Each structure stands twice: as structure tokens, then as C-alpha cells.
Amino acid sequence: MAKTRIEIFYKGEKHFDKPMGSPRPRFRRVKQFAQTYMPSHYTQHKKFIADQMLNLQSERDIKLTVEFYFPPLKSWSKKKLTAMLTR
């Protein structure tokens, strides 16, 4: 079984400095109907990720492992930061 590793780098990309979660959909009223849409910053981020992905076409099952690495929050104290990093 061949393993394919795909890494997505955010360094140096304007407005894409870290992974982001999916926000809730937004709604707007058009005459008598409600229209649903996703915020544009999320759809741009989603396109940025999709452009880096390989076109993996396989008829067999695949196993997907996703790892996210987030920088520590700036509001953390030095004590909390060392506690989290030494886990």
C-alpha cells in the first residue's frame, strides 16, 4: 500500500497564515426568499487548500489522517505556554 503525504504550508501567504474552521452559513433576504451563502474569506481559504491538493483518483478505500498545528495564543501566560509545550 503506497502512502502519499500532502503538506499544506501557510507561511508567506497573505491572509492565509493558519488553518481556519468552517464558519456558519450566512443568510440574506432577496425579495420573499432567503438565500444562503458562505462568507467569501472562507471560500477563498477553501480554494487555497484545494489548489494544493493532488488529484487522487482511486477505486480503493483510502485512509485520511489530518494533523493541524496551531501557534499558541498570544493571551497565554508564560506558565501556561510552558505547561502546554511540555506535555
N, C-alpha and C. Protein backbone atom coordinates (compact mmCIF):
# COMPACT_ATOMS: atom_id res chain seq x y z
N MET A 1 0.85 -1.17 0.00
CA MET A 1 0.00 0.00 0.00
C MET A 1 0.90 1.24 0.00
N ALA A 2 0.78 2.03 -1.01
CA ALA A 2 1.60 3.22 -1.14
C ALA A 2 1.01 4.36 -0.31
N LYS A 3 1.88 5.10 0.35
CA LYS A 3 1.43 6.23 1.14
C LYS A 3 1.77 7.52 0.41
N THR A 4 0.83 8.41 0.38
CA THR A 4 1.03 9.72 -0.22
C THR A 4 0.86 10.75 0.88
N ARG A 5 1.86 11.57 1.06
CA ARG A 5 1.81 12.61 2.09
C ARG A 5 1.67 13.96 1.40
N ILE A 6 0.66 14.70 1.80
CA ILE A 6 0.42 16.03 1.26
C ILE A 6 0.57 17.02 2.40
N GLU A 7 1.42 18.00 2.23
CA GLU A 7 1.59 19.03 3.24
C GLU A 7 1.14 20.36 2.66
N ILE A 8 0.42 21.11 3.46
CA ILE A 8 -0.07 22.42 3.04
C ILE A 8 0.62 23.45 3.92
N PHE A 9 1.32 24.38 3.28
CA PHE A 9 2.07 25.38 4.01
C PHE A 9 1.37 26.72 3.92
N TYR A 10 1.33 27.41 5.05
CA TYR A 10 0.67 28.71 5.13
C TYR A 10 1.67 29.85 5.20
N LYS A 11 2.93 29.57 5.36
CA LYS A 11 3.94 30.62 5.53
C LYS A 11 4.01 31.51 4.30
N GLY A 12 3.98 32.81 4.51
CA GLY A 12 4.15 33.75 3.43
C GLY A 12 2.92 34.00 2.57
N GLU A 13 1.82 33.33 2.88
CA GLU A 13 0.60 33.54 2.11
C GLU A 13 -0.22 34.66 2.76
N LYS A 14 -0.56 35.65 1.98
CA LYS A 14 -1.32 36.76 2.51
C LYS A 14 -2.73 36.31 2.91
N HIS A 15 -3.14 36.64 4.11
CA HIS A 15 -4.45 36.33 4.67
C HIS A 15 -4.65 34.84 4.95
N PHE A 16 -3.69 33.99 4.64
CA PHE A 16 -3.82 32.56 4.93
C PHE A 16 -2.65 32.16 5.83
N ASP A 17 -2.61 32.69 7.05
CA ASP A 17 -1.48 32.43 7.92
C ASP A 17 -1.66 31.21 8.80
N LYS A 18 -2.89 30.65 8.87
CA LYS A 18 -3.13 29.46 9.67
C LYS A 18 -4.42 28.79 9.20
N PRO A 19 -4.62 27.52 9.56
CA PRO A 19 -5.87 26.85 9.20
C PRO A 19 -7.06 27.54 9.86
N MET A 20 -8.21 27.44 9.24
CA MET A 20 -9.40 28.04 9.84
C MET A 20 -10.55 27.04 9.79
N GLY A 21 -11.39 27.12 10.79
CA GLY A 21 -12.57 26.28 10.84
C GLY A 21 -13.66 26.83 9.94
N SER A 22 -14.63 26.01 9.68
CA SER A 22 -15.73 26.44 8.83
C SER A 22 -16.69 27.31 9.63
N PRO A 23 -16.95 28.54 9.17
CA PRO A 23 -17.92 29.38 9.87
C PRO A 23 -19.34 28.94 9.54
N ARG A 24 -20.28 29.50 10.25
CA ARG A 24 -21.68 29.16 9.97
C ARG A 24 -22.10 29.83 8.67
N PRO A 25 -23.06 29.23 7.96
CA PRO A 25 -23.54 29.87 6.74
C PRO A 25 -24.26 31.18 7.07
N ARG A 26 -24.27 32.08 6.12
CA ARG A 26 -24.93 33.38 6.28
C ARG A 26 -26.20 33.38 5.43
N PHE A 27 -27.11 34.25 5.79
CA PHE A 27 -28.38 34.32 5.08
C PHE A 27 -28.67 35.76 4.69
N ARG A 28 -29.29 35.93 3.55
CA ARG A 28 -29.75 37.25 3.14
C ARG A 28 -31.12 37.09 2.50
N ARG A 29 -31.88 38.14 2.60
CA ARG A 29 -33.23 38.10 2.05
C ARG A 29 -33.23 38.75 0.68
N VAL A 30 -33.74 38.02 -0.31
CA VAL A 30 -33.91 38.53 -1.67
C VAL A 30 -35.40 38.46 -1.98
N LYS A 31 -36.02 39.61 -1.96
CA LYS A 31 -37.48 39.71 -2.13
C LYS A 31 -38.16 38.86 -1.07
N GLN A 32 -38.83 37.80 -1.47
CA GLN A 32 -39.55 36.98 -0.49
C GLN A 32 -38.80 35.68 -0.15
N PHE A 33 -37.60 35.52 -0.66
CA PHE A 33 -36.85 34.30 -0.44
C PHE A 33 -35.63 34.55 0.44
N ALA A 34 -35.19 33.53 1.15
CA ALA A 34 -33.95 33.60 1.92
C ALA A 34 -32.87 32.89 1.11
N GLN A 35 -31.73 33.53 0.99
CA GLN A 35 -30.62 32.96 0.22
C GLN A 35 -29.48 32.63 1.19
N THR A 36 -28.91 31.45 1.06
CA THR A 36 -27.83 31.01 1.93
C THR A 36 -26.50 31.11 1.19
N TYR A 37 -25.47 31.57 1.90
CA TYR A 37 -24.13 31.66 1.30
C TYR A 37 -23.08 31.52 2.38
N MET A 38 -21.87 31.20 1.97
CA MET A 38 -20.74 31.12 2.90
C MET A 38 -19.93 32.41 2.76
N PRO A 39 -19.32 32.90 3.85
CA PRO A 39 -18.51 34.12 3.77
C PRO A 39 -17.38 33.97 2.75
N SER A 40 -17.03 35.06 2.08
CA SER A 40 -16.05 35.00 1.00
C SER A 40 -14.65 34.63 1.50
N HIS A 41 -14.29 35.06 2.73
CA HIS A 41 -12.95 34.71 3.22
C HIS A 41 -12.82 33.20 3.41
N TYR A 42 -13.92 32.52 3.76
CA TYR A 42 -13.88 31.07 3.90
C TYR A 42 -13.78 30.38 2.54
N THR A 43 -14.54 30.83 1.56
CA THR A 43 -14.48 30.19 0.24
C THR A 43 -13.11 30.41 -0.41
N GLN A 44 -12.47 31.57 -0.16
CA GLN A 44 -11.12 31.80 -0.68
C GLN A 44 -10.12 30.87 0.00
N HIS A 45 -10.28 30.68 1.30
CA HIS A 45 -9.40 29.77 2.04
C HIS A 45 -9.58 28.33 1.56
N LYS A 46 -10.80 27.95 1.31
CA LYS A 46 -11.11 26.60 0.82
C LYS A 46 -10.48 26.37 -0.56
N LYS A 47 -10.53 27.38 -1.42
CA LYS A 47 -9.91 27.29 -2.74
C LYS A 47 -8.39 27.19 -2.63
N PHE A 48 -7.80 27.95 -1.69
CA PHE A 48 -6.36 27.90 -1.45
C PHE A 48 -5.93 26.48 -1.08
N ILE A 49 -6.70 25.81 -0.24
CA ILE A 49 -6.40 24.43 0.16
C ILE A 49 -6.58 23.48 -1.03
N ALA A 50 -7.68 23.63 -1.76
CA ALA A 50 -7.99 22.74 -2.88
C ALA A 50 -6.93 22.85 -3.98
N ASP A 51 -6.37 24.04 -4.19
CA ASP A 51 -5.35 24.21 -5.23
C ASP A 51 -4.06 23.46 -4.90
N GLN A 52 -3.82 23.18 -3.62
CA GLN A 52 -2.61 22.47 -3.22
C GLN A 52 -2.79 20.96 -3.18
N MET A 53 -4.02 20.50 -3.29
CA MET A 53 -4.29 19.06 -3.20
C MET A 53 -4.03 18.38 -4.54
N LEU A 54 -3.56 17.15 -4.44
CA LEU A 54 -3.36 16.33 -5.63
C LEU A 54 -4.69 15.76 -6.09
N ASN A 55 -4.76 15.39 -7.35
CA ASN A 55 -5.95 14.74 -7.87
C ASN A 55 -5.77 13.24 -7.67
N LEU A 56 -6.24 12.73 -6.54
CA LEU A 56 -6.08 11.32 -6.21
C LEU A 56 -7.34 10.56 -6.63
N GLN A 57 -7.23 9.84 -7.72
CA GLN A 57 -8.35 9.05 -8.18
C GLN A 57 -8.04 7.60 -7.90
N SER A 58 -8.86 6.99 -7.06
CA SER A 58 -8.63 5.61 -6.66
C SER A 58 -9.96 4.91 -6.51
N GLU A 59 -9.99 3.66 -6.92
CA GLU A 59 -11.19 2.86 -6.75
C GLU A 59 -11.18 2.14 -5.41
N ARG A 60 -10.06 2.19 -4.72
CA ARG A 60 -9.93 1.52 -3.43
C ARG A 60 -10.21 2.51 -2.30
N ASP A 61 -10.50 1.99 -1.13
CA ASP A 61 -10.73 2.84 0.03
C ASP A 61 -9.43 3.56 0.39
N ILE A 62 -9.58 4.74 0.95
CA ILE A 62 -8.40 5.49 1.37
C ILE A 62 -8.52 5.79 2.86
N LYS A 63 -7.38 5.97 3.50
CA LYS A 63 -7.33 6.37 4.90
C LYS A 63 -6.78 7.78 4.93
N LEU A 64 -7.49 8.67 5.59
CA LEU A 64 -7.10 10.06 5.64
C LEU A 64 -6.79 10.43 7.09
N THR A 65 -5.58 10.92 7.30
CA THR A 65 -5.17 11.42 8.61
C THR A 65 -4.86 12.90 8.46
N VAL A 66 -5.50 13.72 9.26
CA VAL A 66 -5.32 15.17 9.17
C VAL A 66 -4.70 15.66 10.47
N GLU A 67 -3.62 16.40 10.36
CA GLU A 67 -2.97 16.99 11.53
C GLU A 67 -2.92 18.49 11.33
N PHE A 68 -3.37 19.23 12.33
CA PHE A 68 -3.30 20.68 12.30
C PHE A 68 -2.37 21.13 13.41
N TYR A 69 -1.53 22.07 13.10
CA TYR A 69 -0.63 22.66 14.09
C TYR A 69 -0.95 24.14 14.17
N PHE A 70 -1.43 24.57 15.32
CA PHE A 70 -1.77 25.96 15.53
C PHE A 70 -0.72 26.62 16.42
N PRO A 71 -0.39 27.87 16.17
CA PRO A 71 0.53 28.57 17.08
C PRO A 71 -0.18 28.83 18.41
N PRO A 72 0.58 28.90 19.51
CA PRO A 72 -0.06 29.18 20.80
C PRO A 72 -0.69 30.58 20.81
N LEU A 73 -1.72 30.73 21.60
CA LEU A 73 -2.41 32.01 21.69
C LEU A 73 -1.52 33.05 22.37
N LYS A 74 -1.60 34.27 21.90
CA LYS A 74 -0.79 35.35 22.48
C LYS A 74 -1.25 35.69 23.89
N SER A 75 -2.48 35.37 24.22
CA SER A 75 -3.01 35.70 25.54
C SER A 75 -2.56 34.72 26.62
N TRP A 76 -1.92 33.60 26.25
CA TRP A 76 -1.46 32.63 27.24
C TRP A 76 -0.31 33.20 28.05
N SER A 77 -0.31 32.91 29.33
CA SER A 77 0.79 33.32 30.18
C SER A 77 2.00 32.42 29.90
N LYS A 78 3.17 32.83 30.36
CA LYS A 78 4.37 32.02 30.16
C LYS A 78 4.24 30.67 30.86
N LYS A 79 3.58 30.67 32.02
CA LYS A 79 3.38 29.44 32.77
C LYS A 79 2.51 28.45 31.98
N LYS A 80 1.42 28.94 31.42
CA LYS A 80 0.53 28.08 30.65
C LYS A 80 1.20 27.62 29.36
N LEU A 81 1.98 28.51 28.72
CA LEU A 81 2.66 28.15 27.50
C LEU A 81 3.67 27.02 27.73
N THR A 82 4.47 27.12 28.80
CA THR A 82 5.44 26.05 29.08
C THR A 82 4.71 24.76 29.47
N ALA A 83 3.58 24.87 30.17
CA ALA A 83 2.82 23.66 30.54
C ALA A 83 2.29 22.97 29.30
N MET A 84 1.80 23.72 28.34
CA MET A 84 1.25 23.14 27.12
C MET A 84 2.35 22.54 26.22
N LEU A 85 3.49 23.20 26.16
CA LEU A 85 4.56 22.73 25.28
C LEU A 85 5.33 21.54 25.85
N THR A 86 5.27 21.34 27.16
CA THR A 86 6.00 20.21 27.77
C THR A 86 5.11 18.99 27.97
N ARG A 87 3.91 19.02 27.47
CA ARG A 87 3.02 17.84 27.56
C ARG A 87 3.59 16.69 26.80
